[in-house]
């Protein structure tokens, strides 16, 4: 089975592509602090009922 990539599909249909890279210049130096910040921001964005930060909104899922 051949894996078709995003680039392959663009080439096949004559669409332009560009390679872009982003850097978070003010990334916290402390790795754990950075992970905690990213994790919390995603929890708050997606508001999963399985994260205790959202239990007040959804209720505790496993009483």
PDB file of N, CA and C in Angstrom:
ATOM      1  N   UNK A   1       0.842  -1.173   0.000  1.00  0.00           N
ATOM      2  CA  UNK A   1       0.000   0.000   0.000  1.00  0.00           C
ATOM      3  C   UNK A   1       0.894   1.245   0.000  1.00  0.00           C
ATOM      4  N   UNK A   2       0.622   2.171  -0.889  1.00  0.00           N
ATOM      5  CA  UNK A   2       1.403   3.397  -0.994  1.00  0.00           C
ATOM      6  C   UNK A   2       0.773   4.488  -0.136  1.00  0.00           C
ATOM      7  N   UNK A   3       1.581   5.146   0.637  1.00  0.00           N
ATOM      8  CA  UNK A   3       1.115   6.258   1.459  1.00  0.00           C
ATOM      9  C   UNK A   3       1.160   7.523   0.620  1.00  0.00           C
ATOM     10  N   UNK A   4       0.036   8.203   0.531  1.00  0.00           N
ATOM     11  CA  UNK A   4      -0.035   9.450  -0.225  1.00  0.00           C
ATOM     12  C   UNK A   4       0.103  10.599   0.759  1.00  0.00           C
ATOM     13  N   UNK A   5       1.053  11.470   0.493  1.00  0.00           N
ATOM     14  CA  UNK A   5       1.286  12.588   1.396  1.00  0.00           C
ATOM     15  C   UNK A   5       0.541  13.835   0.930  1.00  0.00           C
ATOM     16  N   UNK A   6       0.478  14.771   1.824  1.00  0.00           N
ATOM     17  CA  UNK A   6      -0.118  16.076   1.539  1.00  0.00           C
ATOM     18  C   UNK A   6       0.556  16.714   0.323  1.00  0.00           C
ATOM     19  N   UNK A   7       1.889  16.653   0.292  1.00  0.00           N
ATOM     20  CA  UNK A   7       2.644  17.216  -0.837  1.00  0.00           C
ATOM     21  C   UNK A   7       2.304  16.486  -2.140  1.00  0.00           C
ATOM     22  N   UNK A   8       2.193  15.153  -2.079  1.00  0.00           N
ATOM     23  CA  UNK A   8       1.850  14.369  -3.277  1.00  0.00           C
ATOM     24  C   UNK A   8       0.515  14.818  -3.874  1.00  0.00           C
ATOM     25  N   UNK A   9      -0.471  15.002  -3.025  1.00  0.00           N
ATOM     26  CA  UNK A   9      -1.795  15.403  -3.507  1.00  0.00           C
ATOM     27  C   UNK A   9      -1.764  16.790  -4.145  1.00  0.00           C
ATOM     28  N   UNK A  10      -1.039  17.695  -3.538  1.00  0.00           N
ATOM     29  CA  UNK A  10      -0.931  19.031  -4.122  1.00  0.00           C
ATOM     30  C   UNK A  10      -0.268  18.970  -5.497  1.00  0.00           C
ATOM     31  N   UNK A  11       0.798  18.186  -5.591  1.00  0.00           N
ATOM     32  CA  UNK A  11       1.497  18.046  -6.871  1.00  0.00           C
ATOM     33  C   UNK A  11       0.580  17.412  -7.917  1.00  0.00           C
ATOM     34  N   UNK A  12      -0.153  16.373  -7.534  1.00  0.00           N
ATOM     35  CA  UNK A  12      -1.059  15.653  -8.433  1.00  0.00           C
ATOM     36  C   UNK A  12      -2.120  16.580  -9.032  1.00  0.00           C
ATOM     37  N   UNK A  13      -2.635  17.511  -8.228  1.00  0.00           N
ATOM     38  CA  UNK A  13      -3.698  18.409  -8.690  1.00  0.00           C
ATOM     39  C   UNK A  13      -3.192  19.789  -9.100  1.00  0.00           C
ATOM     40  N   UNK A  14      -1.887  19.937  -9.193  1.00  0.00           N
ATOM     41  CA  UNK A  14      -1.309  21.196  -9.656  1.00  0.00           C
ATOM     42  C   UNK A  14      -1.474  22.352  -8.691  1.00  0.00           C
ATOM     43  N   UNK A  15      -1.549  22.059  -7.395  1.00  0.00           N
ATOM     44  CA  UNK A  15      -1.707  23.111  -6.394  1.00  0.00           C
ATOM     45  C   UNK A  15      -0.354  23.518  -5.838  1.00  0.00           C
ATOM     46  N   UNK A  16      -0.203  24.801  -5.533  1.00  0.00           N
ATOM     47  CA  UNK A  16       1.049  25.291  -4.970  1.00  0.00           C
ATOM     48  C   UNK A  16       1.154  24.904  -3.496  1.00  0.00           C
ATOM     49  N   UNK A  17       2.367  24.676  -3.068  1.00  0.00           N
ATOM     50  CA  UNK A  17       2.621  24.402  -1.662  1.00  0.00           C
ATOM     51  C   UNK A  17       3.749  25.297  -1.180  1.00  0.00           C
ATOM     52  N   UNK A  18       3.827  25.436   0.112  1.00  0.00           N
ATOM     53  CA  UNK A  18       4.901  26.214   0.717  1.00  0.00           C
ATOM     54  C   UNK A  18       5.268  25.567   2.044  1.00  0.00           C
ATOM     55  N   UNK A  19       6.528  25.599   2.372  1.00  0.00           N
ATOM     56  CA  UNK A  19       6.978  25.096   3.660  1.00  0.00           C
ATOM     57  C   UNK A  19       7.086  26.284   4.596  1.00  0.00           C
ATOM     58  N   UNK A  20       6.400  26.186   5.717  1.00  0.00           N
ATOM     59  CA  UNK A  20       6.409  27.267   6.700  1.00  0.00           C
ATOM     60  C   UNK A  20       6.854  26.713   8.039  1.00  0.00           C
ATOM     61  N   UNK A  21       7.575  27.502   8.783  1.00  0.00           N
ATOM     62  CA  UNK A  21       7.986  27.112  10.129  1.00  0.00           C
ATOM     63  C   UNK A  21       7.709  28.279  11.062  1.00  0.00           C
ATOM     64  N   UNK A  22       7.296  27.935  12.264  1.00  0.00           N
ATOM     65  CA  UNK A  22       7.025  28.963  13.265  1.00  0.00           C
ATOM     66  C   UNK A  22       7.857  28.677  14.500  1.00  0.00           C
ATOM     67  N   UNK A  23       8.225  29.729  15.183  1.00  0.00           N
ATOM     68  CA  UNK A  23       8.978  29.595  16.412  1.00  0.00           C
ATOM     69  C   UNK A  23       8.289  30.391  17.500  1.00  0.00           C
ATOM     70  N   UNK A  24       8.223  29.832  18.667  1.00  0.00           N
ATOM     71  CA  UNK A  24       7.654  30.494  19.830  1.00  0.00           C
ATOM     72  C   UNK A  24       8.824  31.146  20.550  1.00  0.00           C
ATOM     73  N   UNK A  25       9.114  32.398  20.201  1.00  0.00           N
ATOM     74  CA  UNK A  25      10.327  33.072  20.669  1.00  0.00           C
ATOM     75  C   UNK A  25      10.379  33.248  22.171  1.00  0.00           C
ATOM     76  N   UNK A  26       9.217  33.458  22.805  1.00  0.00           N
ATOM     77  CA  UNK A  26       9.227  33.668  24.256  1.00  0.00           C
ATOM     78  C   UNK A  26       8.840  32.388  25.003  1.00  0.00           C
ATOM     79  N   UNK A  27       9.233  31.248  24.451  1.00  0.00           N
ATOM     80  CA  UNK A  27       8.975  29.959  25.087  1.00  0.00           C
ATOM     81  C   UNK A  27       9.630  29.921  26.460  1.00  0.00           C
ATOM     82  N   UNK A  28       8.858  29.504  27.472  1.00  0.00           N
ATOM     83  CA  UNK A  28       9.477  29.384  28.792  1.00  0.00           C
ATOM     84  C   UNK A  28      10.661  28.418  28.750  1.00  0.00           C
ATOM     85  N   UNK A  29      11.757  28.799  29.360  1.00  0.00           N
ATOM     86  CA  UNK A  29      12.963  27.981  29.351  1.00  0.00           C
ATOM     87  C   UNK A  29      12.722  26.679  30.120  1.00  0.00           C
ATOM     88  N   UNK A  30      11.996  26.772  31.201  1.00  0.00           N
ATOM     89  CA  UNK A  30      11.708  25.604  32.041  1.00  0.00           C
ATOM     90  C   UNK A  30      10.728  24.676  31.316  1.00  0.00           C
ATOM     91  N   UNK A  31      11.205  23.484  30.960  1.00  0.00           N
ATOM     92  CA  UNK A  31      10.402  22.540  30.170  1.00  0.00           C
ATOM     93  C   UNK A  31       9.084  22.186  30.838  1.00  0.00           C
ATOM     94  N   UNK A  32       9.107  21.894  32.118  1.00  0.00           N
ATOM     95  CA  UNK A  32       7.886  21.480  32.827  1.00  0.00           C
ATOM     96  C   UNK A  32       6.856  22.610  32.816  1.00  0.00           C
ATOM     97  N   UNK A  33       7.298  23.838  33.028  1.00  0.00           N
ATOM     98  CA  UNK A  33       6.390  24.990  32.998  1.00  0.00           C
ATOM     99  C   UNK A  33       5.762  25.129  31.622  1.00  0.00           C
ATOM    100  N   UNK A  34       6.551  24.910  30.586  1.00  0.00           N
ATOM    101  CA  UNK A  34       6.055  24.995  29.209  1.00  0.00           C
ATOM    102  C   UNK A  34       5.008  23.919  28.947  1.00  0.00           C
ATOM    103  N   UNK A  35       5.277  22.692  29.383  1.00  0.00           N
ATOM    104  CA  UNK A  35       4.322  21.601  29.195  1.00  0.00           C
ATOM    105  C   UNK A  35       3.031  21.864  29.955  1.00  0.00           C
ATOM    106  N   UNK A  36       3.150  22.331  31.193  1.00  0.00           N
ATOM    107  CA  UNK A  36       1.960  22.636  31.994  1.00  0.00           C
ATOM    108  C   UNK A  36       1.115  23.713  31.335  1.00  0.00           C
ATOM    109  N   UNK A  37       1.771  24.756  30.817  1.00  0.00           N
ATOM    110  CA  UNK A  37       1.049  25.844  30.151  1.00  0.00           C
ATOM    111  C   UNK A  37       0.317  25.339  28.914  1.00  0.00           C
ATOM    112  N   UNK A  38       1.005  24.562  28.086  1.00  0.00           N
ATOM    113  CA  UNK A  38       0.381  24.039  26.867  1.00  0.00           C
ATOM    114  C   UNK A  38      -0.768  23.090  27.199  1.00  0.00           C
ATOM    115  N   UNK A  39      -0.555  22.224  28.164  1.00  0.00           N
ATOM    116  CA  UNK A  39      -1.596  21.272  28.553  1.00  0.00           C
ATOM    117  C   UNK A  39      -2.834  22.004  29.061  1.00  0.00           C
ATOM    118  N   UNK A  40      -2.645  22.961  29.949  1.00  0.00           N
ATOM    119  CA  UNK A  40      -3.783  23.697  30.493  1.00  0.00           C
ATOM    120  C   UNK A  40      -4.512  24.477  29.410  1.00  0.00           C
ATOM    121  N   UNK A  41      -3.779  25.098  28.496  1.00  0.00           N
ATOM    122  CA  UNK A  41      -4.434  25.868  27.434  1.00  0.00           C
ATOM    123  C   UNK A  41      -5.275  24.955  26.539  1.00  0.00           C
ATOM    124  N   UNK A  42      -4.809  23.741  26.267  1.00  0.00           N
ATOM    125  CA  UNK A  42      -5.591  22.802  25.456  1.00  0.00           C
ATOM    126  C   UNK A  42      -6.793  22.260  26.224  1.00  0.00           C
ATOM    127  N   UNK A  43      -6.620  21.995  27.514  1.00  0.00           N
ATOM    128  CA  UNK A  43      -7.748  21.544  28.343  1.00  0.00           C
ATOM    129  C   UNK A  43      -8.843  22.595  28.334  1.00  0.00           C
ATOM    130  N   UNK A  44      -8.466  23.852  28.525  1.00  0.00           N
ATOM    131  CA  UNK A  44      -9.461  24.925  28.564  1.00  0.00           C
ATOM    132  C   UNK A  44     -10.089  25.173  27.197  1.00  0.00           C
ATOM    133  N   UNK A  45      -9.323  24.969  26.135  1.00  0.00           N
ATOM    134  CA  UNK A  45      -9.857  25.169  24.786  1.00  0.00           C
ATOM    135  C   UNK A  45     -10.890  24.103  24.440  1.00  0.00           C
ATOM    136  N   UNK A  46     -10.564  22.831  24.663  1.00  0.00           N
ATOM    137  CA  UNK A  46     -11.442  21.729  24.248  1.00  0.00           C
ATOM    138  C   UNK A  46     -12.471  21.362  25.299  1.00  0.00           C
ATOM    139  N   UNK A  47     -12.277  21.779  26.539  1.00  0.00           N
ATOM    140  CA  UNK A  47     -13.235  21.599  27.641  1.00  0.00           C
ATOM    141  C   UNK A  47     -13.731  20.163  27.780  1.00  0.00           C
ATOM    142  N   UNK A  48     -12.813  19.231  27.789  1.00  0.00           N
ATOM    143  CA  UNK A  48     -13.157  17.823  27.960  1.00  0.00           C
ATOM    144  C   UNK A  48     -13.744  17.582  29.345  1.00  0.00           C
ATOM    145  N   UNK A  49     -14.830  16.835  29.438  1.00  0.00           N
ATOM    146  CA  UNK A  49     -15.412  16.550  30.755  1.00  0.00           C
ATOM    147  C   UNK A  49     -14.543  15.617  31.601  1.00  0.00           C
ATOM    148  N   UNK A  50     -13.525  15.026  31.021  1.00  0.00           N
ATOM    149  CA  UNK A  50     -12.662  14.108  31.758  1.00  0.00           C
ATOM    150  C   UNK A  50     -11.529  14.812  32.492  1.00  0.00           C
ATOM    151  N   UNK A  51     -11.350  16.102  32.291  1.00  0.00           N
ATOM    152  CA  UNK A  51     -10.325  16.862  33.004  1.00  0.00           C
ATOM    153  C   UNK A  51     -10.965  17.591  34.169  1.00  0.00           C
ATOM    154  N   UNK A  52     -10.358  17.468  35.349  1.00  0.00           N
ATOM    155  CA  UNK A  52     -10.952  18.054  36.556  1.00  0.00           C
ATOM    156  C   UNK A  52     -11.147  19.561  36.457  1.00  0.00           C
ATOM    157  N   UNK A  53     -10.382  20.217  35.590  1.00  0.00           N
ATOM    158  CA  UNK A  53     -10.547  21.665  35.413  1.00  0.00           C
ATOM    159  C   UNK A  53     -11.921  22.007  34.849  1.00  0.00           C
ATOM    160  N   UNK A  54     -12.594  21.043  34.229  1.00  0.00           N
ATOM    161  CA  UNK A  54     -13.900  21.296  33.610  1.00  0.00           C
ATOM    162  C   UNK A  54     -15.056  20.607  34.324  1.00  0.00           C
ATOM    163  N   UNK A  55     -14.813  19.991  35.461  1.00  0.00           N
ATOM    164  CA  UNK A  55     -15.873  19.292  36.177  1.00  0.00           C
ATOM    165  C   UNK A  55     -16.968  20.245  36.640  1.00  0.00           C
ATOM    166  N   UNK A  56     -16.607  21.481  36.970  1.00  0.00           N
ATOM    167  CA  UNK A  56     -17.630  22.433  37.387  1.00  0.00           C
ATOM    168  C   UNK A  56     -18.606  22.713  36.251  1.00  0.00           C
ATOM    169  N   UNK A  57     -18.103  22.682  35.037  1.00  0.00           N
ATOM    170  CA  UNK A  57     -18.949  22.920  33.859  1.00  0.00           C
ATOM    171  C   UNK A  57     -19.798  21.703  33.502  1.00  0.00           C
ATOM    172  N   UNK A  58     -19.177  20.500  33.484  1.00  0.00           N
ATOM    173  CA  UNK A  58     -19.850  19.296  33.017  1.00  0.00           C
ATOM    174  C   UNK A  58     -20.297  18.338  34.115  1.00  0.00           C
ATOM    175  N   UNK A  59     -19.757  18.509  35.306  1.00  0.00           N
ATOM    176  CA  UNK A  59     -20.005  17.536  36.378  1.00  0.00           C
ATOM    177  C   UNK A  59     -18.922  16.473  36.328  1.00  0.00           C
ATOM    178  N   UNK A  60     -18.699  15.811  37.457  1.00  0.00           N
ATOM    179  CA  UNK A  60     -17.667  14.779  37.519  1.00  0.00           C
ATOM    180  C   UNK A  60     -18.150  13.539  36.789  1.00  0.00           C
ATOM    181  N   UNK A  61     -17.408  13.042  35.782  1.00  0.00           N
ATOM    182  CA  UNK A  61     -17.901  11.963  34.934  1.00  0.00           C
ATOM    183  C   UNK A  61     -18.022  10.592  35.616  1.00  0.00           C
ATOM    184  N   UNK A  62     -17.204  10.336  36.628  1.00  0.00           N
ATOM    185  CA  UNK A  62     -17.226   9.006  37.246  1.00  0.00           C
ATOM    186  C   UNK A  62     -17.508   9.110  38.741  1.00  0.00           C
ATOM    187  N   UNK A  63     -18.543   9.893  39.080  1.00  0.00           N
ATOM    188  CA  UNK A  63     -19.002  10.105  40.447  1.00  0.00           C
ATOM    189  C   UNK A  63     -18.267   9.443  41.476  1.00  0.00           C
TER     190      UNK A  63
END
